[in-house]
Amino acid sequence: MTFTLTQIIATLVLMLLGIAVGAQVAPIMSWVERRQCAMIQRRIGPNRVGIFKFKLFGLGQPIADAIKLLFKEDFIPPYVHKAYYVLAPVIPVITGLAVTITIPWGSYLIVNHQIVPLQAVNLNSGFLLIFALASLGVYGVTLAGWSSNNKYSLLGGLRASAQMISYEVAMGLSIIPLVFIWGTFDLQKIIAHQSEILWGFLPNWGLFHAPVSFIIFLVTIFAETNRLPFDLAESEGELVAGFLTEYGAMRWSLFFLGEYSMMFVLSVLTVSLFFGGYEIPWISQQMILDLLNPFTGEIAGRWILFVVGFATLLIKVVVLMWFFVQVRFTVPRFRYDQLMKLGWVYLFPLALVNLVAIAIINALIKF
């Protein structure tokens, strides 16, 4: 396959767009979480640090935090394994930002009379590439726990490894039914299928085809991102701060940059698989194009459609990430044995039963 200069430039731009959006998630979500936590706990939260003389609900707080972390003393304890200690925070950031290049921002644009897909990397493996990259992030957590030469940190790293193995099995099994239903791994094709109408009145979302898969997948992405109630790798009450105990300043913040980037990408994946991605419910992109074409033409109409689809995708992702925040401050942390029991005793068998059931139903429908 040959690529033109236009397609190469478009791919690079889309990669930079994904990385730029992923990098901004951490400061924005830190502000959202602190404000939402304060609201739930009936406190004030950050509301003083603004921009120039305007307080703006404390929107300047992430900037102040970033400046503080950048200039804070970068202390490395003398007893750590230095090379691995320094390397560990970099791994989650690289994997978290690398996964953003797989995000489907829209269908395609027409640039210089050439079709430019709005997904930087679209391989035949589809969303399996996201799983492959996402699973690498745990190496940074495990390496941080071991290299810190601290028993609490080591326990946190080991917990993260065991947690990842137990929940990624159920996560993978929960997605296979969607492959049966849509017949493809390609996210673009899966989203295109969901632009149709189901039973004459529902959007043709994966949620309505495989609700059990959605529930399993939603639970497992909390474990995948080490978010409460499954943040057993940190668990302040038991492990001080787990794998993060010996980290401070920017190295500490890099772990959270990787975590929030991964949370954003997995939210995009959830929306793409179960909620139609950038498609507007009940209104297909072709319907919008048919309305726009008499006034704008196809090229300009595609650009308008991209903006509309991009906004639709972000709205759906924002709602899901807001749900992440709500769960963090309302559901108490599981004990480690409860976490593993949930993964192996309940979610794994449930995912298998769901897989077999949907395979049988799908075969009967096609027969």
Protein backbone atom coordinates (compact mmCIF):
# COMPACT_ATOMS: atom_id res chain seq x y z
CA MET A 1 0.00 0.00 0.00
CA THR A 2 1.34 3.45 -0.94
CA PHE A 3 0.66 6.61 0.99
CA THR A 4 0.54 10.09 -0.46
CA LEU A 5 2.09 13.12 1.22
CA THR A 6 -1.39 14.36 2.18
CA GLN A 7 -2.21 11.09 3.95
CA ILE A 8 1.14 11.02 5.77
CA ILE A 9 0.68 14.61 7.01
CA ALA A 10 -2.91 13.85 8.06
CA THR A 11 -1.74 10.78 10.00
CA LEU A 12 0.91 12.82 11.83
CA VAL A 13 -1.65 15.55 12.64
CA LEU A 14 -4.08 12.96 14.01
CA MET A 15 -1.32 11.41 16.12
CA LEU A 16 -0.45 14.82 17.57
CA LEU A 17 -4.14 15.53 18.18
CA GLY A 18 -4.53 12.31 20.16
CA ILE A 19 -1.37 12.93 22.19
CA ALA A 20 -2.35 16.57 22.85
CA VAL A 21 -5.84 15.63 24.04
CA GLY A 22 -4.49 12.75 26.15
CA ALA A 23 -1.90 15.03 27.80
CA GLN A 24 -4.59 17.58 28.75
CA VAL A 25 -6.83 15.02 30.42
CA ALA A 26 -4.74 14.81 33.63
CA PRO A 27 -4.81 18.52 34.63
CA ILE A 28 -8.48 18.89 33.63
CA MET A 29 -9.58 15.76 35.46
CA SER A 30 -7.58 16.65 38.57
CA TRP A 31 -9.64 19.86 38.79
CA VAL A 32 -12.91 18.02 38.06
CA GLU A 33 -12.21 15.37 40.68
CA ARG A 34 -11.36 17.91 43.38
CA ARG A 35 -14.46 19.97 42.62
CA GLN A 36 -16.73 16.93 42.48
CA CYS A 37 -15.22 15.47 45.65
CA ALA A 38 -15.86 18.76 47.44
CA MET A 39 -19.44 18.81 46.19
CA ILE A 40 -20.09 15.23 47.38
CA GLN A 41 -18.46 15.88 50.76
CA ARG A 42 -20.07 19.33 51.10
CA ARG A 43 -16.78 21.21 51.04
CA ILE A 44 -15.66 24.20 48.99
CA GLY A 45 -12.86 22.68 46.91
CA PRO A 46 -10.43 24.70 44.75
CA ASN A 47 -12.07 28.05 43.99
CA ARG A 48 -9.39 30.71 44.52
CA VAL A 49 -6.65 30.19 41.94
CA GLY A 50 -7.89 31.56 38.62
CA ILE A 51 -6.52 33.24 35.52
CA PHE A 52 -5.31 36.83 35.90
CA LYS A 53 -7.70 38.48 38.38
CA PHE A 54 -10.60 36.14 37.65
CA LYS A 55 -11.09 33.19 39.99
CA LEU A 56 -13.20 31.17 37.52
CA PHE A 57 -14.08 28.39 39.99
CA GLY A 58 -10.40 27.65 40.64
CA LEU A 59 -9.63 26.76 37.00
CA GLY A 60 -6.09 28.01 37.48
CA GLN A 61 -5.41 25.32 40.10
CA PRO A 62 -4.14 22.71 37.58
CA ILE A 63 -1.65 25.29 36.24
CA ALA A 64 -0.47 26.06 39.77
CA ASP A 65 -0.12 22.34 40.52
CA ALA A 66 1.89 21.77 37.35
CA ILE A 67 4.27 24.62 38.19
CA LYS A 68 4.67 23.29 41.74
CA LEU A 69 5.44 19.76 40.56
CA LEU A 70 7.89 20.99 37.90
CA PHE A 71 9.96 22.97 40.39
CA LYS A 72 9.61 20.68 43.40
CA GLU A 73 12.83 19.00 44.52
CA ASP A 74 13.39 15.77 42.60
CA PHE A 75 14.66 13.60 45.44
CA ILE A 76 15.77 10.03 44.71
CA PRO A 77 16.12 7.85 47.82
CA PRO A 78 19.63 6.36 48.14
CA TYR A 79 18.45 2.77 48.53
CA VAL A 80 16.44 2.42 45.30
CA HIS A 81 17.52 0.69 42.08
CA LYS A 82 18.12 4.00 40.35
CA ALA A 83 17.94 3.12 36.64
CA TYR A 84 14.66 1.22 36.98
CA TYR A 85 13.30 3.74 39.49
CA VAL A 86 13.77 6.53 36.92
CA LEU A 87 12.44 4.42 34.04
CA ALA A 88 9.25 3.21 35.76
CA PRO A 89 7.17 6.47 35.56
CA VAL A 90 7.99 6.86 31.87
CA ILE A 91 6.36 3.56 30.83
CA PRO A 92 2.73 4.44 31.80
CA VAL A 93 3.06 7.84 30.11
CA ILE A 94 4.41 6.39 26.86
CA THR A 95 1.79 3.63 26.72
CA GLY A 96 -1.03 5.96 27.82
CA LEU A 97 -0.24 8.56 25.16
CA ALA A 98 0.62 5.96 22.49
CA VAL A 99 -2.83 4.41 22.76
CA THR A 100 -4.41 7.76 21.83
CA ILE A 101 -3.24 7.32 18.22
CA THR A 102 -5.82 4.54 17.79
CA ILE A 103 -8.81 6.80 18.60
CA PRO A 104 -11.39 7.14 15.77
CA TRP A 105 -12.25 10.86 15.78
CA GLY A 106 -14.66 10.58 12.85
CA SER A 107 -15.26 8.83 9.55
CA TYR A 108 -13.10 10.58 6.94
CA LEU A 109 -12.33 13.92 5.31
CA ILE A 110 -11.60 14.83 1.71
CA VAL A 111 -8.31 16.73 1.43
CA ASN A 112 -6.70 17.51 -1.94
CA HIS A 113 -9.30 15.24 -3.53
CA GLN A 114 -8.07 12.34 -1.39
CA ILE A 115 -9.91 10.41 1.31
CA VAL A 116 -8.23 10.88 4.70
CA PRO A 117 -9.49 8.52 7.46
CA LEU A 118 -9.91 10.23 10.83
CA GLN A 119 -8.05 7.50 12.69
CA ALA A 120 -4.27 7.73 12.76
CA VAL A 121 -3.70 3.98 13.12
CA ASN A 122 -6.35 1.60 11.86
CA LEU A 123 -4.99 -1.94 11.60
CA ASN A 124 -6.89 -5.16 10.94
CA SER A 125 -6.45 -5.98 14.63
CA GLY A 126 -8.75 -3.05 15.48
CA PHE A 127 -9.33 -2.54 19.18
CA LEU A 128 -6.96 -5.43 20.02
CA LEU A 129 -4.13 -2.93 19.49
CA ILE A 130 -5.60 -0.79 22.28
CA PHE A 131 -5.64 -3.79 24.63
CA ALA A 132 -2.07 -4.68 23.68
CA LEU A 133 -0.76 -1.18 24.41
CA ALA A 134 -2.91 -0.68 27.51
CA SER A 135 -1.65 -3.89 29.10
CA LEU A 136 1.95 -2.64 28.92
CA GLY A 137 1.24 0.13 31.44
CA VAL A 138 1.31 -2.34 34.33
CA TYR A 139 5.03 -2.91 33.72
CA GLY A 140 5.71 0.63 34.92
CA VAL A 141 3.71 0.08 38.10
CA THR A 142 5.37 -3.27 38.81
CA LEU A 143 8.83 -1.91 38.05
CA ALA A 144 8.20 1.07 40.34
CA GLY A 145 7.19 -1.25 43.17
CA TRP A 146 10.26 -3.44 42.79
CA SER A 147 12.82 -0.70 42.13
CA SER A 148 11.72 1.34 45.16
CA ASN A 149 13.25 -1.34 47.41
CA ASN A 150 10.33 -0.88 49.79
CA LYS A 151 8.07 -3.69 51.03
CA TYR A 152 4.91 -1.60 50.73
CA SER A 153 5.84 -0.58 47.20
CA LEU A 154 6.68 -4.16 46.23
CA LEU A 155 3.31 -5.38 47.49
CA GLY A 156 1.59 -2.63 45.48
CA GLY A 157 3.42 -3.65 42.32
CA LEU A 158 2.58 -7.33 42.81
CA ARG A 159 -1.05 -6.46 43.40
CA ALA A 160 -1.16 -4.47 40.17
CA SER A 161 0.22 -7.46 38.22
CA ALA A 162 -2.23 -9.95 39.71
CA GLN A 163 -5.10 -7.52 39.25
CA MET A 164 -4.26 -6.91 35.61
CA ILE A 165 -4.13 -10.63 34.80
CA SER A 166 -7.41 -11.42 36.53
CA TYR A 167 -9.41 -8.59 35.00
CA GLU A 168 -8.02 -8.57 31.47
CA VAL A 169 -9.27 -12.14 30.99
CA ALA A 170 -12.85 -11.07 31.77
CA MET A 171 -12.39 -7.87 29.75
CA GLY A 172 -11.29 -9.73 26.64
CA LEU A 173 -14.10 -12.28 26.94
CA SER A 174 -16.66 -9.49 27.32
CA ILE A 175 -15.66 -7.98 23.96
CA ILE A 176 -15.73 -11.17 21.86
CA PRO A 177 -19.59 -11.20 21.70
CA LEU A 178 -19.43 -7.84 19.94
CA VAL A 179 -17.13 -9.38 17.34
CA PHE A 180 -19.79 -12.07 16.76
CA ILE A 181 -22.48 -9.41 16.40
CA TRP A 182 -20.63 -6.94 14.17
CA GLY A 183 -18.34 -9.42 12.41
CA THR A 184 -15.24 -7.23 12.65
CA PHE A 185 -12.49 -5.90 14.94
CA ASP A 186 -12.39 -2.58 13.09
CA LEU A 187 -13.66 0.25 15.31
CA GLN A 188 -14.72 2.34 12.30
CA LYS A 189 -16.93 -0.47 11.00
CA ILE A 190 -18.34 -1.16 14.48
CA ILE A 191 -19.27 2.52 14.86
CA ALA A 192 -20.81 2.55 11.37
CA HIS A 193 -23.05 -0.41 12.30
CA GLN A 194 -24.27 1.49 15.36
CA SER A 195 -25.56 4.39 13.25
CA GLU A 196 -28.60 2.27 12.33
CA ILE A 197 -31.89 1.93 14.23
CA LEU A 198 -32.71 -1.14 16.34
CA TRP A 199 -36.31 -2.39 16.59
CA GLY A 200 -37.53 0.81 14.97
CA PHE A 201 -36.95 3.11 17.96
CA LEU A 202 -33.60 2.41 19.67
CA PRO A 203 -30.13 3.41 18.47
CA ASN A 204 -28.32 0.29 17.27
CA TRP A 205 -25.76 0.49 20.08
CA GLY A 206 -23.69 -2.40 21.37
CA LEU A 207 -25.20 -1.71 24.79
CA PHE A 208 -28.59 -3.05 23.64
CA HIS A 209 -27.10 -6.04 21.84
CA ALA A 210 -24.82 -7.15 24.70
CA PRO A 211 -25.77 -5.45 28.01
CA VAL A 212 -23.94 -8.06 30.11
CA SER A 213 -20.76 -7.44 28.10
CA PHE A 214 -21.10 -3.73 28.84
CA ILE A 215 -21.42 -4.31 32.60
CA ILE A 216 -18.40 -6.63 32.68
CA PHE A 217 -16.34 -4.28 30.52
CA LEU A 218 -17.26 -1.26 32.65
CA VAL A 219 -16.19 -3.00 35.87
CA THR A 220 -12.94 -4.25 34.37
CA ILE A 221 -11.82 -0.86 33.04
CA PHE A 222 -11.92 0.43 36.62
CA ALA A 223 -9.48 -2.34 37.54
CA GLU A 224 -7.43 -1.76 34.37
CA THR A 225 -6.86 1.90 35.28
CA ASN A 226 -6.28 1.24 39.02
CA ARG A 227 -9.21 3.47 39.93
CA LEU A 228 -11.29 3.26 43.06
CA PRO A 229 -12.82 0.99 44.20
CA PHE A 230 -10.03 -1.14 42.67
CA ASP A 231 -6.92 0.95 43.43
CA LEU A 232 -5.38 -1.85 45.51
CA ALA A 233 -1.94 -1.09 44.10
CA GLU A 234 -1.93 2.17 46.11
CA SER A 235 -4.37 1.53 48.96
CA GLU A 236 -3.24 4.21 51.42
CA GLY A 237 -4.88 2.47 54.37
CA GLU A 238 -2.84 -0.69 53.92
CA LEU A 239 0.26 0.14 51.85
CA VAL A 240 0.85 3.85 52.66
CA ALA A 241 0.70 4.64 48.93
CA GLY A 242 1.82 1.32 47.46
CA PHE A 243 4.01 1.55 44.37
CA LEU A 244 4.00 5.37 44.68
CA THR A 245 5.37 5.50 48.23
CA GLU A 246 8.92 6.49 47.26
CA TYR A 247 7.97 8.87 44.43
CA GLY A 248 7.49 12.64 44.49
CA ALA A 249 7.51 15.75 42.30
CA MET A 250 7.18 15.17 38.53
CA ARG A 251 7.92 11.45 38.70
CA TRP A 252 4.85 11.06 40.92
CA SER A 253 2.71 13.10 38.52
CA LEU A 254 3.84 11.06 35.49
CA PHE A 255 2.05 8.00 36.87
CA PHE A 256 -1.18 9.97 37.05
CA LEU A 257 -0.68 11.41 33.59
CA GLY A 258 -0.48 7.85 32.28
CA GLU A 259 -3.48 6.78 34.37
CA TYR A 260 -5.71 9.61 33.18
CA SER A 261 -4.62 9.15 29.55
CA MET A 262 -5.51 5.47 29.78
CA MET A 263 -8.81 6.32 31.46
CA PHE A 264 -9.62 8.66 28.57
CA VAL A 265 -8.73 6.08 25.89
CA LEU A 266 -10.69 3.30 27.59
CA SER A 267 -13.65 5.68 27.88
CA VAL A 268 -13.37 6.35 24.13
CA LEU A 269 -13.21 2.60 23.51
CA THR A 270 -16.29 2.02 25.69
CA VAL A 271 -18.19 4.73 23.85
CA SER A 272 -17.09 3.35 20.48
CA LEU A 273 -18.11 -0.22 21.30
CA PHE A 274 -21.32 0.35 23.23
CA PHE A 275 -22.60 3.90 22.54
CA GLY A 276 -22.01 4.54 18.86
CA GLY A 277 -18.75 6.52 19.12
CA TYR A 278 -18.95 9.79 17.19
CA GLU A 279 -22.39 8.92 15.74
CA ILE A 280 -25.39 10.96 16.98
CA PRO A 281 -28.25 8.71 18.18
CA TRP A 282 -31.11 8.39 15.68
CA ILE A 283 -29.31 10.70 13.23
CA SER A 284 -26.80 8.99 10.96
CA GLN A 285 -23.88 10.87 9.45
CA GLN A 286 -25.34 10.26 5.99
CA MET A 287 -28.53 12.06 7.01
CA ILE A 288 -26.51 15.08 8.14
CA LEU A 289 -24.51 15.05 4.90
CA ASP A 290 -27.70 14.91 2.83
CA LEU A 291 -28.90 18.03 4.65
CA LEU A 292 -25.59 19.87 4.28
CA ASN A 293 -24.61 18.96 0.72
CA PRO A 294 -27.05 21.33 -1.08
CA PHE A 295 -25.58 24.26 0.88
CA THR A 296 -21.92 23.34 1.47
CA GLY A 297 -20.92 20.59 -0.94
CA GLU A 298 -19.39 17.29 0.14
CA ILE A 299 -15.92 18.57 1.07
CA ALA A 300 -17.12 21.37 3.39
CA GLY A 301 -19.93 19.12 4.63
CA ARG A 302 -17.38 16.51 5.68
CA TRP A 303 -15.50 19.12 7.73
CA ILE A 304 -18.69 20.23 9.46
CA LEU A 305 -19.56 16.59 10.07
CA PHE A 306 -16.12 16.04 11.62
CA VAL A 307 -16.66 18.92 14.08
CA VAL A 308 -20.13 17.63 14.99
CA GLY A 309 -18.88 14.05 15.40
CA PHE A 310 -15.86 15.18 17.43
CA ALA A 311 -18.14 17.14 19.79
CA THR A 312 -20.51 14.15 20.06
CA LEU A 313 -17.65 11.80 20.93
CA LEU A 314 -16.27 14.18 23.57
CA ILE A 315 -19.70 14.67 25.17
CA LYS A 316 -20.17 10.91 25.54
CA VAL A 317 -16.63 10.49 26.90
CA VAL A 318 -17.08 13.37 29.37
CA VAL A 319 -20.24 11.74 30.75
CA LEU A 320 -18.41 8.42 31.21
CA MET A 321 -15.39 10.06 32.86
CA TRP A 322 -17.72 11.98 35.16
CA PHE A 323 -19.11 8.56 36.14
CA PHE A 324 -15.54 7.48 36.97
CA VAL A 325 -15.33 10.42 39.39
CA GLN A 326 -18.71 9.66 40.96
CA VAL A 327 -17.72 6.05 41.63
CA ARG A 328 -14.40 7.09 43.17
CA PHE A 329 -16.07 9.16 45.88
CA THR A 330 -19.15 7.01 46.52
CA VAL A 331 -18.04 3.33 46.42
CA PRO A 332 -15.63 2.20 49.17
CA ARG A 333 -12.42 0.37 48.28
CA PHE A 334 -12.61 -3.43 48.07
CA ARG A 335 -10.37 -5.66 50.13
CA TYR A 336 -7.76 -7.41 48.02
CA ASP A 337 -9.34 -10.85 48.50
CA GLN A 338 -12.74 -9.43 47.53
CA LEU A 339 -11.20 -7.92 44.40
CA MET A 340 -9.66 -11.20 43.25
CA LYS A 341 -12.82 -13.14 44.12
CA LEU A 342 -14.92 -10.73 42.04
CA GLY A 343 -12.59 -11.17 39.08
CA TRP A 344 -12.13 -14.95 39.07
CA VAL A 345 -15.24 -16.31 40.81
CA TYR A 346 -17.90 -13.99 39.36
CA LEU A 347 -16.80 -11.96 36.32
CA PHE A 348 -14.79 -14.68 34.56
CA PRO A 349 -17.58 -17.33 34.61
CA LEU A 350 -20.19 -14.66 33.81
CA ALA A 351 -18.16 -13.54 30.79
CA LEU A 352 -17.91 -17.17 29.58
CA VAL A 353 -21.65 -17.76 29.95
CA ASN A 354 -22.38 -14.46 28.20
CA LEU A 355 -20.02 -15.39 25.36
CA VAL A 356 -21.64 -18.81 24.79
CA ALA A 357 -25.18 -17.37 25.05
CA ILE A 358 -24.58 -14.62 22.49
CA ALA A 359 -22.75 -17.04 20.18
CA ILE A 360 -25.78 -19.38 20.22
CA ILE A 361 -28.27 -16.53 19.74
CA ASN A 362 -26.21 -15.05 16.92
CA ALA A 363 -25.93 -18.44 15.18
CA LEU A 364 -29.71 -19.04 15.48
CA ILE A 365 -30.48 -15.59 14.05
CA LYS A 366 -28.20 -16.15 11.06
CA PHE A 367 -29.54 -19.68 10.56
